[in-house]
N, C-alpha and C. Protein backbone atom coordinates (compact mmCIF):
# COMPACT_ATOMS: atom_id res chain seq x y z
N UNK A 1 0.62 -1.32 -0.09
CA UNK A 1 0.16 -0.07 -0.32
C UNK A 1 0.89 1.26 0.35
N UNK A 2 0.37 2.21 -0.48
CA UNK A 2 0.85 3.70 -0.31
C UNK A 2 1.39 4.06 0.73
N UNK A 3 0.41 3.61 2.00
CA UNK A 3 1.05 3.99 3.41
C UNK A 3 2.72 3.27 3.87
N UNK A 4 2.41 1.72 3.07
CA UNK A 4 3.78 0.95 3.32
C UNK A 4 5.16 1.69 3.14
N UNK A 5 4.57 1.88 1.60
CA UNK A 5 5.89 2.41 0.81
C UNK A 5 6.41 3.79 2.13
N UNK A 6 5.11 4.43 2.30
CA UNK A 6 5.47 6.18 3.27
C UNK A 6 6.43 5.82 4.11
N UNK A 7 5.99 4.50 5.05
CA UNK A 7 6.62 4.35 5.99
C UNK A 7 7.95 3.69 6.43
N UNK A 8 8.16 3.38 4.32
CA UNK A 8 9.73 3.07 4.51
C UNK A 8 9.80 3.47 3.32
N UNK A 9 10.85 4.79 3.01
CA UNK A 9 11.02 5.46 1.88
C UNK A 9 12.27 5.02 1.49
N UNK A 10 13.02 3.46 1.92
CA UNK A 10 14.39 2.84 1.66
C UNK A 10 13.79 2.02 0.94
N UNK A 11 12.89 1.54 1.26
CA UNK A 11 12.55 0.15 0.46
C UNK A 11 11.58 -0.47 1.40
N UNK A 12 11.06 -1.78 1.04
CA UNK A 12 10.54 -2.89 1.76
C UNK A 12 11.08 -3.94 1.20
N UNK A 13 11.62 -4.72 2.19
CA UNK A 13 12.35 -6.01 2.30
C UNK A 13 11.42 -7.33 2.08
N UNK A 14 10.81 -7.78 1.24
CA UNK A 14 10.09 -8.80 1.02
C UNK A 14 10.40 -10.43 0.64
N UNK A 15 11.75 -10.29 0.87
CA UNK A 15 11.75 -11.80 1.52
C UNK A 15 13.05 -11.96 0.01
N UNK A 16 13.29 -13.20 -0.06
CA UNK A 16 13.85 -13.74 -1.56
C UNK A 16 12.63 -14.32 -2.12
N UNK A 17 12.91 -14.15 -3.49
CA UNK A 17 11.84 -14.35 -4.47
C UNK A 17 11.41 -15.45 -4.92
N UNK A 18 10.33 -15.73 -4.75
CA UNK A 18 9.97 -16.89 -4.99
C UNK A 18 9.62 -17.79 -6.59
N UNK A 19 10.09 -18.71 -6.65
CA UNK A 19 9.94 -18.84 -8.41
C UNK A 19 8.24 -18.94 -8.28
N UNK A 20 8.08 -18.64 -9.43
CA UNK A 20 6.34 -19.20 -10.01
C UNK A 20 6.31 -19.44 -11.06
N UNK A 21 7.23 -19.14 -11.86
CA UNK A 21 6.83 -19.39 -13.54
C UNK A 21 6.47 -20.97 -13.34
N UNK A 22 6.68 -22.15 -12.67
CA UNK A 22 5.92 -23.55 -13.21
C UNK A 22 4.68 -23.25 -13.01
N UNK A 23 3.99 -22.55 -12.07
CA UNK A 23 2.51 -22.40 -12.07
C UNK A 23 1.37 -21.86 -12.79
N UNK A 24 2.76 -20.92 -13.47
CA UNK A 24 1.75 -19.83 -14.51
C UNK A 24 1.63 -20.27 -15.85
N UNK A 25 2.96 -21.29 -16.41
CA UNK A 25 3.01 -21.34 -17.51
C UNK A 25 2.34 -22.33 -18.24
N UNK A 26 1.62 -22.33 -18.81
CA UNK A 26 0.49 -23.40 -19.46
C UNK A 26 1.57 -24.09 -20.09
N UNK A 27 2.77 -24.71 -19.99
CA UNK A 27 3.04 -25.53 -21.20
C UNK A 27 3.28 -27.15 -20.40
N UNK A 28 2.86 -28.19 -21.41
CA UNK A 28 3.40 -29.36 -20.62
C UNK A 28 4.39 -30.01 -19.84
N UNK A 29 5.57 -29.16 -20.21
CA UNK A 29 6.73 -28.88 -19.54
C UNK A 29 6.74 -28.40 -17.93
N UNK A 30 6.61 -27.17 -18.37
CA UNK A 30 6.35 -25.64 -16.75
C UNK A 30 6.97 -24.96 -17.37
N UNK A 31 7.77 -25.49 -18.41
CA UNK A 31 9.05 -24.75 -18.60
C UNK A 31 8.70 -23.68 -20.17
N UNK A 32 9.34 -22.50 -20.01
CA UNK A 32 9.60 -21.61 -21.60
C UNK A 32 9.95 -22.53 -22.77
N UNK A 33 9.11 -23.19 -23.71
CA UNK A 33 9.54 -24.26 -24.57
C UNK A 33 9.43 -23.25 -26.24
N UNK A 34 10.91 -22.91 -26.21
CA UNK A 34 11.26 -22.27 -27.06
C UNK A 34 10.77 -23.13 -28.57
N UNK A 35 11.69 -24.57 -28.46
CA UNK A 35 11.42 -25.17 -29.57
C UNK A 35 10.07 -26.00 -29.91
N UNK A 36 9.23 -24.73 -30.20
CA UNK A 36 8.15 -25.11 -30.29
C UNK A 36 8.11 -26.32 -31.50
N UNK A 37 7.14 -27.56 -31.60
CA UNK A 37 7.37 -27.55 -33.35
C UNK A 37 6.84 -27.38 -34.75
N UNK A 38 6.33 -25.79 -34.42
CA UNK A 38 5.46 -25.14 -35.51
C UNK A 38 7.10 -24.87 -35.69
N UNK A 39 8.13 -23.83 -35.62
CA UNK A 39 9.24 -23.56 -35.13
C UNK A 39 10.27 -24.49 -35.65
N UNK A 40 10.20 -25.58 -35.19
CA UNK A 40 11.47 -26.84 -35.90
C UNK A 40 11.05 -26.75 -36.86
N UNK A 41 9.79 -27.13 -37.40
CA UNK A 41 9.33 -27.73 -38.82
C UNK A 41 9.96 -26.61 -39.63
N UNK A 42 9.55 -25.59 -39.57
CA UNK A 42 10.46 -24.18 -40.35
C UNK A 42 11.50 -24.23 -40.84
N UNK A 43 12.45 -25.23 -39.92
CA UNK A 43 14.12 -25.08 -39.82
C UNK A 43 14.41 -25.11 -41.47
N UNK A 44 13.89 -26.08 -41.54
CA UNK A 44 14.02 -26.71 -43.16
C UNK A 44 14.25 -25.60 -44.16
N UNK A 45 12.80 -24.73 -44.35
CA UNK A 45 12.97 -23.89 -45.25
C UNK A 45 13.69 -22.62 -44.83
N UNK A 46 14.26 -22.18 -43.53
CA UNK A 46 15.09 -21.03 -43.38
C UNK A 46 16.23 -21.57 -44.05
N UNK A 47 16.84 -22.48 -43.47
CA UNK A 47 17.84 -23.04 -44.26
C UNK A 47 17.48 -23.11 -45.68
N UNK A 48 17.07 -23.16 -46.74
CA UNK A 48 16.93 -23.06 -47.70
C UNK A 48 17.35 -21.63 -48.18
N UNK A 49 16.35 -20.64 -47.82
CA UNK A 49 16.42 -19.81 -48.03
C UNK A 49 17.70 -19.03 -47.51
N UNK A 50 18.33 -19.48 -46.34
CA UNK A 50 19.87 -19.38 -46.64
C UNK A 50 21.02 -19.06 -47.01
N UNK A 51 20.67 -20.45 -47.65
CA UNK A 51 21.31 -21.16 -49.20
C UNK A 51 20.88 -20.51 -50.11
N UNK A 52 19.89 -20.27 -50.57
CA UNK A 52 19.22 -19.25 -51.55
C UNK A 52 20.48 -17.85 -51.50
N UNK A 53 20.62 -17.20 -50.45
CA UNK A 53 20.51 -15.97 -50.71
C UNK A 53 22.02 -16.01 -50.29
N UNK A 54 23.09 -16.91 -50.03
CA UNK A 54 24.32 -16.88 -49.96
C UNK A 54 24.42 -16.80 -51.72
N UNK A 55 24.15 -16.87 -52.80
CA UNK A 55 23.97 -17.03 -54.34
C UNK A 55 23.79 -15.31 -54.57
N UNK A 56 22.91 -14.37 -53.73
CA UNK A 56 22.41 -13.39 -53.91
C UNK A 56 23.60 -12.16 -53.79
N UNK A 57 24.01 -11.38 -54.71
CA UNK A 57 24.78 -10.12 -55.12
C UNK A 57 24.97 -9.71 -53.52
N UNK A 58 23.49 -8.96 -52.67
CA UNK A 58 23.58 -8.53 -51.46
C UNK A 58 22.12 -8.45 -51.10
N UNK A 59 22.65 -8.53 -49.49
CA UNK A 59 21.49 -8.72 -49.16
C UNK A 59 21.17 -7.27 -48.52
N UNK A 60 19.42 -6.78 -47.82
CA UNK A 60 19.16 -5.63 -47.53
C UNK A 60 18.78 -5.64 -46.17
N UNK A 61 19.16 -5.45 -44.99
CA UNK A 61 18.58 -5.38 -43.69
C UNK A 61 18.40 -3.94 -43.65
N UNK A 62 17.47 -3.36 -42.83
CA UNK A 62 16.99 -2.53 -41.60
C UNK A 62 17.81 -1.77 -40.54
N UNK A 63 17.87 -0.55 -40.34
CA UNK A 63 18.10 -0.17 -39.05
C UNK A 63 17.06 0.87 -38.04
N UNK A 64 17.48 0.89 -37.22
CA UNK A 64 17.37 1.61 -36.61
C UNK A 64 18.26 2.46 -35.21
N UNK A 65 17.98 4.06 -34.77
CA UNK A 65 18.86 4.65 -34.08
C UNK A 65 18.19 5.39 -32.84
N UNK A 66 19.31 5.27 -32.28
CA UNK A 66 18.35 6.05 -30.62
C UNK A 66 17.46 7.17 -30.92
N UNK A 67 17.89 8.14 -31.92
CA UNK A 67 17.00 9.33 -31.57
C UNK A 67 16.05 9.25 -32.65
N UNK A 68 15.48 8.33 -33.75
CA UNK A 68 14.66 7.92 -34.69
C UNK A 68 13.68 6.78 -34.30
N UNK A 69 12.48 7.01 -33.82
CA UNK A 69 11.83 5.82 -33.30
C UNK A 69 11.05 5.87 -35.18
N UNK A 70 10.81 5.00 -35.90
CA UNK A 70 10.11 4.87 -37.17
C UNK A 70 10.33 6.47 -37.69
N UNK A 71 9.19 7.26 -37.27
CA UNK A 71 9.19 7.92 -38.54
C UNK A 71 8.94 9.45 -37.81
N UNK A 72 8.03 9.41 -36.61
CA UNK A 72 8.10 10.27 -35.96
C UNK A 72 9.00 10.89 -35.14
N UNK A 73 10.01 10.49 -34.91
CA UNK A 73 10.48 11.83 -34.55
C UNK A 73 11.46 12.62 -35.54
N UNK A 74 11.39 12.39 -36.95
CA UNK A 74 12.45 13.17 -37.48
C UNK A 74 11.94 14.44 -37.88
N UNK A 75 11.17 14.73 -37.69
CA UNK A 75 10.55 16.20 -37.65
C UNK A 75 10.45 17.26 -36.20
N UNK A 76 11.18 16.31 -35.46
CA UNK A 76 11.98 17.46 -34.12
C UNK A 76 13.57 17.31 -34.64
N UNK A 77 13.67 18.96 -34.27
CA UNK A 77 14.98 19.46 -35.09
C UNK A 77 16.20 18.98 -34.13
N UNK A 78 15.93 18.75 -32.86
CA UNK A 78 17.18 18.34 -31.81
C UNK A 78 17.24 16.97 -32.00
N UNK A 79 16.16 16.17 -33.01
CA UNK A 79 16.71 15.02 -32.56
C UNK A 79 17.12 15.02 -34.17
N UNK A 80 16.68 15.17 -34.95
CA UNK A 80 17.68 14.79 -36.15
C UNK A 80 18.97 15.90 -36.76
N UNK A 81 19.40 17.02 -35.86
CA UNK A 81 20.53 17.42 -36.29
C UNK A 81 21.53 17.00 -36.29
N UNK A 82 22.39 17.03 -36.53
CA UNK A 82 23.95 16.02 -36.94
C UNK A 82 24.10 15.87 -38.05
N UNK A 83 25.02 14.45 -38.24
CA UNK A 83 25.10 14.07 -39.59
C UNK A 83 24.19 13.27 -40.38
N UNK A 84 23.63 13.13 -41.13
CA UNK A 84 22.94 12.47 -41.77
C UNK A 84 22.96 11.37 -41.22
N UNK A 85 21.79 10.70 -40.69
CA UNK A 85 21.21 8.84 -40.21
C UNK A 85 20.53 7.79 -41.19
N UNK A 86 20.10 8.97 -42.63
CA UNK A 86 19.46 7.59 -43.75
C UNK A 86 20.96 7.46 -44.89
N UNK A 87 21.33 6.49 -44.19
CA UNK A 87 22.70 6.39 -45.30
C UNK A 87 22.41 4.98 -45.86
N UNK A 88 23.17 4.58 -46.73
CA UNK A 88 23.23 2.87 -46.98
C UNK A 88 24.23 2.80 -46.53
N UNK A 89 24.28 1.84 -45.42
CA UNK A 89 25.99 1.13 -44.60
C UNK A 89 26.23 0.01 -45.25
N UNK A 90 27.56 0.30 -45.80
CA UNK A 90 28.47 -0.65 -46.98
C UNK A 90 29.60 -0.97 -46.45
N UNK A 91 30.09 -2.77 -46.45
CA UNK A 91 30.90 -2.84 -45.61
C UNK A 91 32.20 -2.23 -46.73
N UNK A 92 33.77 -1.46 -46.32
CA UNK A 92 34.61 -1.81 -47.05
C UNK A 92 35.08 -2.77 -48.35
N UNK A 93 35.02 -3.61 -48.05
CA UNK A 93 35.76 -5.02 -48.87
C UNK A 93 33.86 -4.33 -49.91
N UNK A 94 32.84 -4.33 -49.44
CA UNK A 94 32.22 -4.65 -50.83
C UNK A 94 32.11 -3.07 -51.52
N UNK A 95 32.63 -1.93 -50.47
CA UNK A 95 32.56 -0.39 -51.53
C UNK A 95 33.75 -0.73 -52.61
N UNK A 96 34.42 -1.28 -52.04
CA UNK A 96 36.02 -1.30 -52.81
C UNK A 96 35.60 -1.97 -53.86
N UNK A 97 35.08 -3.41 -53.81
CA UNK A 97 34.51 -3.98 -55.35
C UNK A 97 33.43 -3.27 -55.93
N UNK A 98 32.27 -2.62 -55.36
CA UNK A 98 31.48 -2.18 -56.48
C UNK A 98 31.95 -0.27 -56.22
N UNK A 99 33.06 -0.10 -56.31
CA UNK A 99 33.24 1.91 -56.51
C UNK A 99 32.72 2.56 -55.87
N UNK A 100 32.33 1.77 -54.64
CA UNK A 100 31.72 3.24 -53.91
C UNK A 100 32.24 3.59 -53.34
N UNK A 101 32.07 5.20 -52.78
CA UNK A 101 32.69 5.69 -51.41
C UNK A 101 31.92 6.48 -50.73
N UNK A 102 32.63 6.52 -49.66
CA UNK A 102 32.18 7.50 -48.08
C UNK A 102 31.57 8.58 -49.02
N UNK A 103 29.99 8.51 -48.95
CA UNK A 103 29.73 10.21 -48.88
C UNK A 103 29.05 9.88 -50.25
N UNK A 104 29.38 8.87 -50.66
CA UNK A 104 28.80 8.95 -52.61
C UNK A 104 27.96 8.88 -52.60
N UNK A 105 26.85 8.25 -53.50
CA UNK A 105 25.71 7.68 -53.95
C UNK A 105 25.35 6.70 -54.65
N UNK A 106 24.77 5.83 -54.01
CA UNK A 106 24.41 4.39 -54.73
C UNK A 106 22.75 4.15 -55.28
N UNK A 107 22.71 3.49 -56.04
CA UNK A 107 21.41 2.98 -56.54
C UNK A 107 20.97 1.41 -56.00
N UNK A 108 20.22 1.64 -55.00
CA UNK A 108 20.15 0.28 -54.43
C UNK A 108 18.48 -0.47 -55.62
N UNK A 109 18.41 -1.37 -56.04
CA UNK A 109 18.05 -2.23 -56.85
C UNK A 109 17.21 -3.67 -56.27
N UNK A 110 16.28 -3.87 -55.97
CA UNK A 110 15.38 -4.87 -55.31
C UNK A 110 14.14 -5.49 -56.71
N UNK A 111 14.07 -6.59 -56.42
CA UNK A 111 13.43 -7.48 -57.74
C UNK A 111 11.97 -6.23 -57.70
N UNK A 112 11.37 -5.43 -57.00
CA UNK A 112 10.65 -4.23 -57.13
C UNK A 112 10.10 -2.96 -57.26
N UNK A 113 11.99 -2.53 -56.76
CA UNK A 113 12.07 -1.17 -56.87
C UNK A 113 13.53 -0.92 -56.57
N UNK A 114 13.52 0.53 -56.63
CA UNK A 114 14.84 1.13 -56.39
C UNK A 114 14.89 2.42 -55.69
N UNK A 115 15.93 2.51 -55.02
CA UNK A 115 16.15 4.05 -54.47
C UNK A 115 17.81 4.52 -54.63
N UNK A 116 18.14 5.76 -54.43
CA UNK A 116 19.13 6.48 -54.37
C UNK A 116 19.37 6.52 -52.95
N UNK A 117 20.52 6.13 -52.63
CA UNK A 117 20.75 6.82 -50.81
C UNK A 117 22.10 6.73 -50.68
N UNK A 118 22.22 8.08 -50.15
CA UNK A 118 23.98 8.45 -49.82
C UNK A 118 24.60 7.39 -49.29
N UNK A 119 25.79 7.17 -49.54
CA UNK A 119 26.19 5.83 -48.70
C UNK A 119 27.38 5.98 -47.70
N UNK A 120 27.52 5.36 -46.74
CA UNK A 120 28.44 5.60 -45.46
C UNK A 120 29.40 4.24 -45.71
N UNK A 121 30.62 3.97 -45.34
CA UNK A 121 31.31 3.15 -45.90
C UNK A 121 31.48 3.01 -44.77
N UNK A 122 31.57 1.49 -43.77
CA UNK A 122 31.68 1.20 -42.05
C UNK A 122 31.52 -0.33 -41.79
N UNK A 123 32.95 -0.57 -41.49
CA UNK A 123 33.18 -2.29 -40.94
C UNK A 123 32.27 -2.19 -39.90
N UNK A 124 31.30 -1.93 -39.48
CA UNK A 124 30.58 -1.99 -38.33
C UNK A 124 29.12 -3.35 -38.96
N UNK A 125 29.33 -3.41 -40.29
CA UNK A 125 28.60 -4.18 -41.11
C UNK A 125 29.01 -5.67 -41.79
N UNK A 126 28.58 -6.46 -42.09
CA UNK A 126 29.28 -7.94 -42.63
C UNK A 126 29.50 -7.32 -43.95
N UNK A 127 30.73 -7.93 -44.58
CA UNK A 127 30.51 -8.05 -45.92
C UNK A 127 29.41 -8.71 -46.70
N UNK A 128 28.82 -8.28 -48.05
CA UNK A 128 27.99 -9.10 -48.44
C UNK A 128 26.57 -8.60 -48.12
N UNK A 129 25.93 -7.90 -46.87
CA UNK A 129 24.99 -7.26 -46.14
C UNK A 129 25.05 -5.55 -45.96
N UNK A 130 24.29 -5.26 -46.59
CA UNK A 130 24.21 -3.23 -46.93
C UNK A 130 22.46 -3.31 -45.78
N UNK A 131 22.88 -2.12 -45.56
CA UNK A 131 21.35 -1.48 -44.15
C UNK A 131 21.11 -0.09 -44.39
N UNK A 132 19.68 -0.13 -44.90
CA UNK A 132 18.84 1.33 -44.54
C UNK A 132 18.07 1.33 -43.74
N UNK A 133 18.23 2.58 -43.03
CA UNK A 133 16.84 2.75 -42.03
C UNK A 133 15.68 2.45 -42.08
N UNK A 134 14.71 2.23 -41.70
CA UNK A 134 13.44 2.83 -42.13
C UNK A 134 12.73 3.41 -41.42
N UNK A 135 11.49 4.11 -42.17
CA UNK A 135 10.98 5.34 -41.70
C UNK A 135 10.87 6.16 -42.17
N UNK A 136 12.19 6.98 -43.19
CA UNK A 136 12.64 8.13 -43.68
C UNK A 136 11.94 8.09 -45.32
N UNK A 137 12.37 8.63 -45.96
CA UNK A 137 11.34 9.31 -47.61
C UNK A 137 10.57 10.53 -47.29
N UNK A 138 10.89 11.06 -46.78
CA UNK A 138 9.63 12.37 -46.40
C UNK A 138 9.42 12.87 -47.50
N UNK A 139 10.18 13.14 -48.67
CA UNK A 139 10.28 14.12 -49.56
C UNK A 139 9.29 13.74 -50.66
N UNK A 140 8.06 12.96 -50.40
CA UNK A 140 7.06 12.86 -51.47
C UNK A 140 6.19 14.42 -51.28
N UNK A 141 5.54 14.11 -52.35
CA UNK A 141 4.42 15.16 -51.87
C UNK A 141 3.60 14.63 -51.16
N UNK A 142 2.99 16.59 -50.51
CA UNK A 142 1.60 15.84 -49.37
C UNK A 142 2.14 15.71 -48.38
N UNK A 143 3.81 15.47 -48.19
CA UNK A 143 4.13 15.68 -46.86
C UNK A 143 4.27 16.93 -45.98
N UNK A 144 3.61 16.72 -45.04
CA UNK A 144 3.52 18.11 -43.85
C UNK A 144 4.47 18.10 -42.70
N UNK A 145 5.86 17.99 -43.49
CA UNK A 145 6.43 18.06 -41.88
C UNK A 145 7.95 18.34 -42.17
N UNK A 146 8.04 20.22 -42.10
CA UNK A 146 9.16 20.51 -42.70
C UNK A 146 10.61 20.21 -42.55
N UNK A 147 10.86 20.09 -40.75
CA UNK A 147 11.95 19.32 -40.61
C UNK A 147 12.45 18.04 -40.83
N UNK A 148 11.39 17.48 -40.80
CA UNK A 148 11.52 15.78 -41.75
C UNK A 148 12.02 15.78 -43.53
N UNK A 149 11.27 16.89 -44.01
CA UNK A 149 11.52 17.41 -45.31
C UNK A 149 12.71 17.56 -45.67
N UNK A 150 13.52 18.39 -45.15
CA UNK A 150 14.92 19.19 -45.35
C UNK A 150 15.83 17.87 -45.26
N UNK A 151 15.73 16.55 -44.58
CA UNK A 151 15.92 15.34 -44.44
C UNK A 151 15.33 14.09 -44.90
N UNK A 152 15.32 14.32 -45.81
CA UNK A 152 13.86 13.38 -46.74
C UNK A 152 14.66 11.85 -46.32
N UNK A 153 15.71 11.38 -46.61
CA UNK A 153 16.46 10.00 -46.84
C UNK A 153 15.62 9.41 -47.92
N UNK A 154 15.76 8.66 -47.91
CA UNK A 154 14.95 6.95 -49.20
C UNK A 154 13.77 6.65 -47.93
N UNK A 155 12.69 5.90 -48.63
CA UNK A 155 12.10 4.55 -48.20
C UNK A 155 11.84 3.44 -48.72
N UNK A 156 12.97 3.13 -47.79
CA UNK A 156 13.19 1.53 -47.76
C UNK A 156 12.45 0.56 -48.49
N UNK A 157 11.25 0.53 -47.97
CA UNK A 157 9.82 -0.07 -48.27
C UNK A 157 9.31 -0.11 -49.91
N UNK A 158 10.31 0.87 -50.70
CA UNK A 158 10.03 0.33 -51.99
C UNK A 158 10.89 -0.56 -52.52
N UNK A 159 11.73 -1.23 -51.80
CA UNK A 159 12.45 -2.23 -52.02
C UNK A 159 11.96 -3.63 -51.72
N UNK A 160 10.51 -3.38 -50.38
CA UNK A 160 10.27 -4.13 -50.10
C UNK A 160 9.28 -4.91 -51.38
N UNK A 161 9.51 -6.00 -51.51
CA UNK A 161 8.21 -7.00 -52.39
C UNK A 161 7.07 -7.12 -51.53
N UNK A 162 5.42 -6.51 -52.25
CA UNK A 162 4.96 -6.86 -51.15
C UNK A 162 4.03 -8.19 -51.30
N UNK A 163 5.03 -9.22 -52.09
CA UNK A 163 4.09 -10.60 -52.14
C UNK A 163 4.85 -11.87 -51.21
N UNK A 164 5.72 -11.17 -50.82
CA UNK A 164 7.24 -11.89 -50.02
C UNK A 164 6.58 -11.69 -48.38
N UNK A 165 5.91 -12.61 -47.99
CA UNK A 165 5.28 -12.91 -46.93
C UNK A 165 5.85 -14.21 -45.96
N UNK A 166 6.28 -13.49 -44.57
CA UNK A 166 6.95 -14.84 -43.74
C UNK A 166 5.88 -16.08 -43.68
N UNK A 167 5.91 -17.13 -44.23
CA UNK A 167 4.86 -17.99 -44.14
C UNK A 167 4.63 -18.55 -42.05
N UNK A 168 5.23 -18.35 -41.64
CA UNK A 168 5.90 -18.59 -39.95
C UNK A 168 4.69 -17.59 -39.98
N UNK A 169 4.80 -16.11 -39.71
CA UNK A 169 4.57 -15.20 -38.69
C UNK A 169 3.08 -14.26 -39.97
N UNK A 170 3.16 -14.76 -41.28
CA UNK A 170 1.92 -13.92 -42.18
C UNK A 170 2.97 -12.28 -41.83
N UNK A 171 3.46 -11.70 -41.64
CA UNK A 171 4.12 -10.97 -41.39
C UNK A 171 5.13 -10.01 -42.81
N UNK A 172 5.19 -8.99 -43.78
CA UNK A 172 6.00 -8.72 -44.55
C UNK A 172 7.15 -8.91 -44.37
N UNK A 173 7.97 -9.20 -45.73
CA UNK A 173 9.65 -9.45 -45.40
C UNK A 173 10.07 -7.80 -45.22
N UNK A 174 10.94 -7.51 -44.51
CA UNK A 174 11.17 -6.38 -44.71
C UNK A 174 13.02 -6.44 -44.73
N UNK A 175 13.46 -7.37 -44.17
CA UNK A 175 14.83 -7.94 -44.06
C UNK A 175 15.35 -9.32 -44.87
N UNK A 176 16.62 -8.78 -44.99
CA UNK A 176 17.10 -10.15 -45.88
C UNK A 176 16.56 -9.96 -47.58
N UNK A 177 16.38 -8.73 -48.26
CA UNK A 177 16.46 -8.35 -49.47
C UNK A 177 17.21 -8.55 -50.60
N UNK A 178 17.26 -9.29 -51.56
CA UNK A 178 18.27 -9.42 -52.34
C UNK A 178 18.12 -8.20 -53.17
N UNK A 179 19.30 -7.44 -52.99
CA UNK A 179 19.14 -6.17 -53.76
C UNK A 179 20.81 -6.27 -54.77
N UNK A 180 20.94 -5.37 -55.56
CA UNK A 180 22.04 -5.37 -56.26
C UNK A 180 22.32 -3.21 -56.15
N UNK A 181 23.34 -3.18 -56.27
CA UNK A 181 24.17 -1.58 -56.15
C UNK A 181 24.96 -1.36 -56.53
N UNK A 182 24.77 -0.04 -57.63
CA UNK A 182 25.48 0.73 -58.24
C UNK A 182 26.51 1.92 -57.96
N UNK A 183 26.90 2.44 -58.01
CA UNK A 183 27.61 3.97 -58.08
C UNK A 183 26.51 5.02 -59.07
N UNK A 184 26.27 6.09 -58.38
CA UNK A 184 25.35 6.80 -59.20
C UNK A 184 26.29 8.14 -59.04
N UNK A 185 26.53 8.76 -60.04
CA UNK A 185 27.75 9.95 -60.42
C UNK A 185 26.48 11.28 -60.34
N UNK A 186 26.29 11.80 -58.71
CA UNK A 186 25.93 12.93 -58.94
C UNK A 186 26.15 13.64 -57.56
N UNK A 187 25.82 14.75 -57.01
CA UNK A 187 26.60 15.82 -56.08
C UNK A 187 25.83 15.34 -54.91
N UNK A 188 24.94 14.88 -55.30
CA UNK A 188 23.92 14.77 -53.45
C UNK A 188 22.41 14.24 -53.93
N UNK A 189 22.38 13.50 -52.88
CA UNK A 189 20.88 12.39 -52.63
C UNK A 189 19.47 13.72 -52.45
């Protein structure tokens, strides 16, 4: 109660923790069952998809930033100031192979779409993987967010195939998208 807390401003010791998981979990084993048969059966499909992806030129994944929660924080000046965050992360080995340079522009093409993005060469990503953050692309007509439009970035959803649905979860596939990348000779995005 509040009265108990007020009487004990430094906290109340209720003793050692008591295990409750076995009594509240509704699984046959009384434990958290991470290897559900549906998940285990889907491993065959996932392994096949990984093998197929190994033959793709590059794989696109998304990313987040502490000061950027989807898109709603992009219209707050104090949160978007500083260096641009809507950049294509490319490993140095891939950048060298593709002729990309830090600060340059790359054309990213998937089976269904194309975007031009500023390049950020970084060893914080694996070779063969590139990354664009989601929630950007504020330069579209009708966008009424002045601050966000000044740092529009690109809409990575343009690269997502609307027919690609994860069969287990039923969600759109927004990561692991096979892409091809070429350098673009323009001054800025």
